[in-house]
């Protein structure tokens, strides 16, 4: 058992070294590394088609209208429910309030 754990650790270290040396991976990290100036949280059930649609439309809104860089992450499951906390993070502080107003106008 201990030998397998050591092999797994070594394998993980080799994978991390390959990723650190990969210029494409480093470019992807650089695109998504920024100081967060504003956030918007949506609580959704991503297993529900209608709520997943809300998530997709919100991502499309961000791609179209965000003036700075943005990213989306799912941070946690809410209790025993199948609800996800989807966090939209923005580089430009003006983007978060605009997205909030857009979501509220749709009752989301």
N, C-alpha and C. Protein backbone atom coordinates (compact mmCIF):
# COMPACT_ATOMS: atom_id res chain seq x y z
N UNK A 1 0.82 -1.20 0.00
CA UNK A 1 0.00 0.00 0.00
C UNK A 1 0.87 1.26 0.00
N UNK A 2 1.90 1.26 0.81
CA UNK A 2 2.79 2.41 0.88
C UNK A 2 3.52 2.62 -0.44
N UNK A 3 3.90 1.53 -1.10
CA UNK A 3 4.58 1.63 -2.39
C UNK A 3 3.67 2.28 -3.42
N UNK A 4 2.39 1.91 -3.42
CA UNK A 4 1.43 2.51 -4.36
C UNK A 4 1.27 4.01 -4.10
N UNK A 5 1.23 4.39 -2.83
CA UNK A 5 1.09 5.80 -2.48
C UNK A 5 2.30 6.59 -2.97
N UNK A 6 3.48 6.03 -2.81
CA UNK A 6 4.71 6.70 -3.26
C UNK A 6 4.70 6.83 -4.78
N UNK A 7 4.28 5.79 -5.48
CA UNK A 7 4.20 5.86 -6.95
C UNK A 7 3.19 6.92 -7.40
N UNK A 8 2.07 6.99 -6.71
CA UNK A 8 1.06 8.00 -7.05
C UNK A 8 1.61 9.41 -6.84
N UNK A 9 2.31 9.62 -5.75
CA UNK A 9 2.89 10.94 -5.47
C UNK A 9 3.91 11.29 -6.55
N UNK A 10 4.74 10.34 -6.91
CA UNK A 10 5.74 10.58 -7.97
C UNK A 10 5.06 10.89 -9.30
N UNK A 11 4.01 10.17 -9.61
CA UNK A 11 3.27 10.41 -10.85
C UNK A 11 2.66 11.81 -10.86
N UNK A 12 2.11 12.22 -9.75
CA UNK A 12 1.52 13.56 -9.63
C UNK A 12 2.59 14.62 -9.79
N UNK A 13 3.75 14.41 -9.19
CA UNK A 13 4.85 15.38 -9.32
C UNK A 13 5.32 15.50 -10.76
N UNK A 14 5.39 14.39 -11.48
CA UNK A 14 5.78 14.42 -12.89
C UNK A 14 4.74 15.19 -13.72
N UNK A 15 3.47 14.95 -13.42
CA UNK A 15 2.40 15.65 -14.13
C UNK A 15 2.49 17.16 -13.89
N UNK A 16 2.71 17.56 -12.65
CA UNK A 16 2.84 18.99 -12.32
C UNK A 16 4.03 19.60 -13.04
N UNK A 17 5.13 18.88 -13.10
CA UNK A 17 6.32 19.38 -13.80
C UNK A 17 6.03 19.56 -15.29
N UNK A 18 5.30 18.61 -15.90
CA UNK A 18 4.93 18.75 -17.32
C UNK A 18 4.04 19.96 -17.54
N UNK A 19 3.08 20.18 -16.64
CA UNK A 19 2.18 21.33 -16.78
C UNK A 19 2.94 22.65 -16.62
N UNK A 20 3.86 22.69 -15.68
CA UNK A 20 4.64 23.93 -15.49
C UNK A 20 5.51 24.23 -16.70
N UNK A 21 5.91 23.22 -17.43
CA UNK A 21 6.76 23.42 -18.60
C UNK A 21 5.95 23.67 -19.88
N UNK A 22 4.66 23.47 -19.84
CA UNK A 22 3.82 23.59 -21.03
C UNK A 22 3.44 25.06 -21.25
N UNK A 23 3.92 25.69 -22.34
CA UNK A 23 3.61 27.11 -22.56
C UNK A 23 2.12 27.38 -22.79
N UNK A 24 1.41 26.44 -23.38
CA UNK A 24 -0.03 26.63 -23.60
C UNK A 24 -0.78 26.67 -22.26
N UNK A 25 -0.41 25.79 -21.36
CA UNK A 25 -1.03 25.77 -20.03
C UNK A 25 -0.69 27.05 -19.27
N UNK A 26 0.55 27.51 -19.37
CA UNK A 26 0.96 28.74 -18.70
C UNK A 26 0.21 29.94 -19.25
N UNK A 27 -0.03 29.96 -20.56
CA UNK A 27 -0.80 31.05 -21.16
C UNK A 27 -2.24 31.04 -20.66
N UNK A 28 -2.82 29.84 -20.51
CA UNK A 28 -4.18 29.72 -20.00
C UNK A 28 -4.25 30.25 -18.57
N UNK A 29 -3.27 29.91 -17.75
CA UNK A 29 -3.24 30.42 -16.37
C UNK A 29 -3.12 31.95 -16.36
N UNK A 30 -2.27 32.48 -17.23
CA UNK A 30 -2.07 33.93 -17.27
C UNK A 30 -3.36 34.65 -17.67
N UNK A 31 -4.14 34.07 -18.60
CA UNK A 31 -5.40 34.69 -19.01
C UNK A 31 -6.40 34.74 -17.87
N UNK A 32 -6.34 33.78 -16.97
CA UNK A 32 -7.33 33.68 -15.91
C UNK A 32 -6.82 34.15 -14.55
N UNK A 33 -5.66 34.78 -14.53
CA UNK A 33 -5.11 35.28 -13.28
C UNK A 33 -5.26 36.80 -13.28
N UNK A 34 -6.11 37.30 -12.40
CA UNK A 34 -6.30 38.74 -12.28
C UNK A 34 -6.84 39.03 -10.89
N UNK A 35 -6.74 40.29 -10.50
CA UNK A 35 -7.27 40.74 -9.21
C UNK A 35 -8.77 40.87 -9.35
N UNK A 36 -9.50 40.22 -8.46
CA UNK A 36 -10.97 40.23 -8.52
C UNK A 36 -11.48 41.54 -7.95
N UNK A 37 -12.21 42.28 -8.78
CA UNK A 37 -12.75 43.57 -8.36
C UNK A 37 -14.24 43.50 -8.06
N UNK A 38 -14.91 42.45 -8.51
CA UNK A 38 -16.34 42.32 -8.25
C UNK A 38 -16.79 40.89 -8.49
N UNK A 39 -17.79 40.46 -7.72
CA UNK A 39 -18.31 39.11 -7.87
C UNK A 39 -19.84 39.13 -7.88
N UNK A 40 -20.40 38.15 -8.54
CA UNK A 40 -21.85 37.93 -8.55
C UNK A 40 -22.05 36.44 -8.31
N UNK A 41 -22.93 36.11 -7.38
CA UNK A 41 -23.20 34.70 -7.07
C UNK A 41 -24.60 34.34 -7.53
N UNK A 42 -24.70 33.17 -8.17
CA UNK A 42 -25.99 32.61 -8.54
C UNK A 42 -26.10 31.25 -7.86
N UNK A 43 -27.24 30.94 -7.26
CA UNK A 43 -27.49 29.63 -6.69
C UNK A 43 -28.39 28.90 -7.66
N UNK A 44 -27.87 27.82 -8.25
CA UNK A 44 -28.58 27.09 -9.30
C UNK A 44 -28.51 25.59 -9.06
N UNK A 45 -29.47 24.89 -9.63
CA UNK A 45 -29.40 23.43 -9.75
C UNK A 45 -28.95 23.16 -11.18
N UNK A 46 -27.67 22.89 -11.36
CA UNK A 46 -27.14 22.71 -12.71
C UNK A 46 -27.59 21.41 -13.35
N UNK A 47 -28.28 20.55 -12.59
CA UNK A 47 -28.84 19.33 -13.17
C UNK A 47 -30.21 19.58 -13.80
N UNK A 48 -30.78 20.74 -13.53
CA UNK A 48 -32.08 21.11 -14.09
C UNK A 48 -31.84 21.82 -15.42
N UNK A 49 -32.46 21.37 -16.51
CA UNK A 49 -32.24 22.02 -17.82
C UNK A 49 -32.55 23.51 -17.83
N UNK A 50 -33.61 23.92 -17.16
CA UNK A 50 -33.97 25.35 -17.19
C UNK A 50 -32.94 26.19 -16.42
N UNK A 51 -32.44 25.67 -15.31
CA UNK A 51 -31.46 26.43 -14.54
C UNK A 51 -30.08 26.36 -15.19
N UNK A 52 -29.78 25.26 -15.84
CA UNK A 52 -28.52 25.17 -16.58
C UNK A 52 -28.54 26.17 -17.73
N UNK A 53 -29.71 26.35 -18.33
CA UNK A 53 -29.88 27.34 -19.39
C UNK A 53 -29.57 28.74 -18.86
N UNK A 54 -30.03 29.06 -17.65
CA UNK A 54 -29.73 30.36 -17.04
C UNK A 54 -28.22 30.55 -16.91
N UNK A 55 -27.55 29.50 -16.49
CA UNK A 55 -26.09 29.55 -16.35
C UNK A 55 -25.44 29.82 -17.71
N UNK A 56 -25.88 29.10 -18.75
CA UNK A 56 -25.31 29.27 -20.09
C UNK A 56 -25.55 30.68 -20.61
N UNK A 57 -26.75 31.19 -20.43
CA UNK A 57 -27.08 32.54 -20.91
C UNK A 57 -26.26 33.59 -20.16
N UNK A 58 -26.07 33.39 -18.87
CA UNK A 58 -25.26 34.33 -18.09
C UNK A 58 -23.81 34.32 -18.56
N UNK A 59 -23.28 33.14 -18.86
CA UNK A 59 -21.91 33.06 -19.41
C UNK A 59 -21.83 33.78 -20.75
N UNK A 60 -22.85 33.62 -21.58
CA UNK A 60 -22.86 34.32 -22.87
C UNK A 60 -22.91 35.84 -22.67
N UNK A 61 -23.69 36.28 -21.67
CA UNK A 61 -23.75 37.70 -21.37
C UNK A 61 -22.36 38.20 -21.00
N UNK A 62 -21.67 37.45 -20.14
CA UNK A 62 -20.33 37.86 -19.71
C UNK A 62 -19.37 37.93 -20.90
N UNK A 63 -19.44 36.95 -21.78
CA UNK A 63 -18.56 36.95 -22.96
C UNK A 63 -18.82 38.16 -23.85
N UNK A 64 -20.07 38.57 -23.94
CA UNK A 64 -20.46 39.66 -24.83
C UNK A 64 -20.25 41.03 -24.20
N UNK A 65 -20.62 41.20 -22.93
CA UNK A 65 -20.70 42.54 -22.35
C UNK A 65 -19.66 42.87 -21.29
N UNK A 66 -18.97 41.91 -20.74
CA UNK A 66 -17.97 42.24 -19.72
C UNK A 66 -16.84 43.04 -20.37
N UNK A 67 -16.47 44.14 -19.74
CA UNK A 67 -15.45 45.02 -20.32
C UNK A 67 -14.04 44.59 -19.96
N UNK A 68 -13.90 43.80 -18.92
CA UNK A 68 -12.59 43.27 -18.53
C UNK A 68 -12.63 41.75 -18.54
N UNK A 69 -11.60 41.16 -18.00
CA UNK A 69 -11.58 39.70 -17.93
C UNK A 69 -12.57 39.22 -16.87
N UNK A 70 -13.05 38.02 -17.06
CA UNK A 70 -13.99 37.43 -16.10
C UNK A 70 -13.77 35.93 -16.08
N UNK A 71 -14.23 35.31 -15.03
CA UNK A 71 -14.19 33.85 -14.93
C UNK A 71 -15.36 33.38 -14.10
N UNK A 72 -15.69 32.11 -14.29
CA UNK A 72 -16.80 31.50 -13.56
C UNK A 72 -16.26 30.28 -12.84
N UNK A 73 -16.70 30.10 -11.62
CA UNK A 73 -16.33 28.88 -10.90
C UNK A 73 -17.51 28.41 -10.05
N UNK A 74 -17.55 27.13 -9.83
CA UNK A 74 -18.57 26.54 -8.97
C UNK A 74 -17.87 26.19 -7.69
N UNK A 75 -18.23 26.88 -6.63
CA UNK A 75 -17.46 26.77 -5.40
C UNK A 75 -17.97 25.72 -4.44
N UNK A 76 -19.26 25.49 -4.39
CA UNK A 76 -19.76 24.58 -3.35
C UNK A 76 -21.13 24.03 -3.69
N UNK A 77 -21.45 22.96 -3.07
CA UNK A 77 -22.80 22.42 -3.12
C UNK A 77 -23.51 22.93 -1.88
N UNK A 78 -24.75 23.27 -1.99
CA UNK A 78 -25.51 23.79 -0.85
C UNK A 78 -26.21 22.65 -0.12
N UNK A 79 -25.63 22.22 0.98
CA UNK A 79 -26.25 21.19 1.82
C UNK A 79 -26.52 19.91 1.08
N UNK A 80 -27.64 19.27 1.40
CA UNK A 80 -28.03 18.03 0.75
C UNK A 80 -28.79 18.27 -0.55
N UNK A 81 -29.08 19.52 -0.83
CA UNK A 81 -29.77 19.85 -2.08
C UNK A 81 -28.79 19.75 -3.24
N UNK A 82 -29.29 19.77 -4.41
CA UNK A 82 -28.44 19.72 -5.60
C UNK A 82 -28.21 21.14 -6.14
N UNK A 83 -28.05 22.07 -5.23
CA UNK A 83 -27.85 23.46 -5.63
C UNK A 83 -26.36 23.78 -5.63
N UNK A 84 -25.92 24.51 -6.65
CA UNK A 84 -24.53 24.91 -6.79
C UNK A 84 -24.43 26.42 -6.63
N UNK A 85 -23.36 26.86 -5.99
CA UNK A 85 -23.05 28.29 -5.92
C UNK A 85 -22.13 28.60 -7.08
N UNK A 86 -22.66 29.28 -8.08
CA UNK A 86 -21.87 29.65 -9.26
C UNK A 86 -21.43 31.10 -9.06
N UNK A 87 -20.12 31.30 -9.04
CA UNK A 87 -19.55 32.62 -8.77
C UNK A 87 -18.97 33.17 -10.07
N UNK A 88 -19.41 34.37 -10.44
CA UNK A 88 -18.83 35.08 -11.58
C UNK A 88 -17.91 36.15 -11.00
N UNK A 89 -16.64 36.10 -11.38
CA UNK A 89 -15.64 37.04 -10.87
C UNK A 89 -15.18 37.93 -12.02
N UNK A 90 -15.05 39.23 -11.72
CA UNK A 90 -14.73 40.21 -12.75
C UNK A 90 -13.49 41.00 -12.40
N UNK A 91 -12.72 41.33 -13.41
CA UNK A 91 -11.54 42.18 -13.25
C UNK A 91 -11.96 43.64 -13.14
N UNK A 92 -12.95 44.06 -13.93
CA UNK A 92 -13.43 45.43 -13.92
C UNK A 92 -14.55 45.56 -12.89
N UNK A 93 -14.42 46.46 -11.91
CA UNK A 93 -15.44 46.58 -10.87
C UNK A 93 -16.81 47.01 -11.40
N UNK A 94 -16.88 47.59 -12.58
CA UNK A 94 -18.17 48.04 -13.13
C UNK A 94 -18.99 46.89 -13.69
N UNK A 95 -18.36 45.76 -14.00
CA UNK A 95 -19.08 44.65 -14.63
C UNK A 95 -20.05 43.93 -13.68
N UNK A 96 -19.66 43.77 -12.42
CA UNK A 96 -20.50 43.03 -11.47
C UNK A 96 -21.86 43.69 -11.24
N UNK A 97 -21.93 45.00 -10.98
CA UNK A 97 -23.25 45.61 -10.78
C UNK A 97 -24.13 45.55 -12.03
N UNK A 98 -23.53 45.64 -13.20
CA UNK A 98 -24.30 45.57 -14.44
C UNK A 98 -24.89 44.18 -14.60
N UNK A 99 -24.09 43.15 -14.32
CA UNK A 99 -24.61 41.78 -14.38
C UNK A 99 -25.72 41.58 -13.34
N UNK A 100 -25.54 42.12 -12.15
CA UNK A 100 -26.59 42.00 -11.11
C UNK A 100 -27.90 42.60 -11.59
N UNK A 101 -27.84 43.78 -12.17
CA UNK A 101 -29.06 44.41 -12.67
C UNK A 101 -29.68 43.58 -13.79
N UNK A 102 -28.86 43.03 -14.66
CA UNK A 102 -29.35 42.20 -15.77
C UNK A 102 -30.05 40.96 -15.23
N UNK A 103 -29.47 40.32 -14.22
CA UNK A 103 -30.09 39.14 -13.61
C UNK A 103 -31.40 39.49 -12.91
N UNK A 104 -31.41 40.60 -12.18
CA UNK A 104 -32.62 41.01 -11.47
C UNK A 104 -33.75 41.35 -12.44
N UNK A 105 -33.41 41.94 -13.58
CA UNK A 105 -34.42 42.28 -14.57
C UNK A 105 -35.11 41.03 -15.11
N UNK A 106 -34.42 39.91 -15.07
CA UNK A 106 -34.99 38.65 -15.53
C UNK A 106 -35.59 37.81 -14.39
N UNK A 107 -35.49 38.32 -13.19
CA UNK A 107 -36.02 37.59 -12.04
C UNK A 107 -35.19 36.40 -11.63
N UNK A 108 -33.89 36.44 -11.99
CA UNK A 108 -33.00 35.33 -11.66
C UNK A 108 -32.22 35.65 -10.41
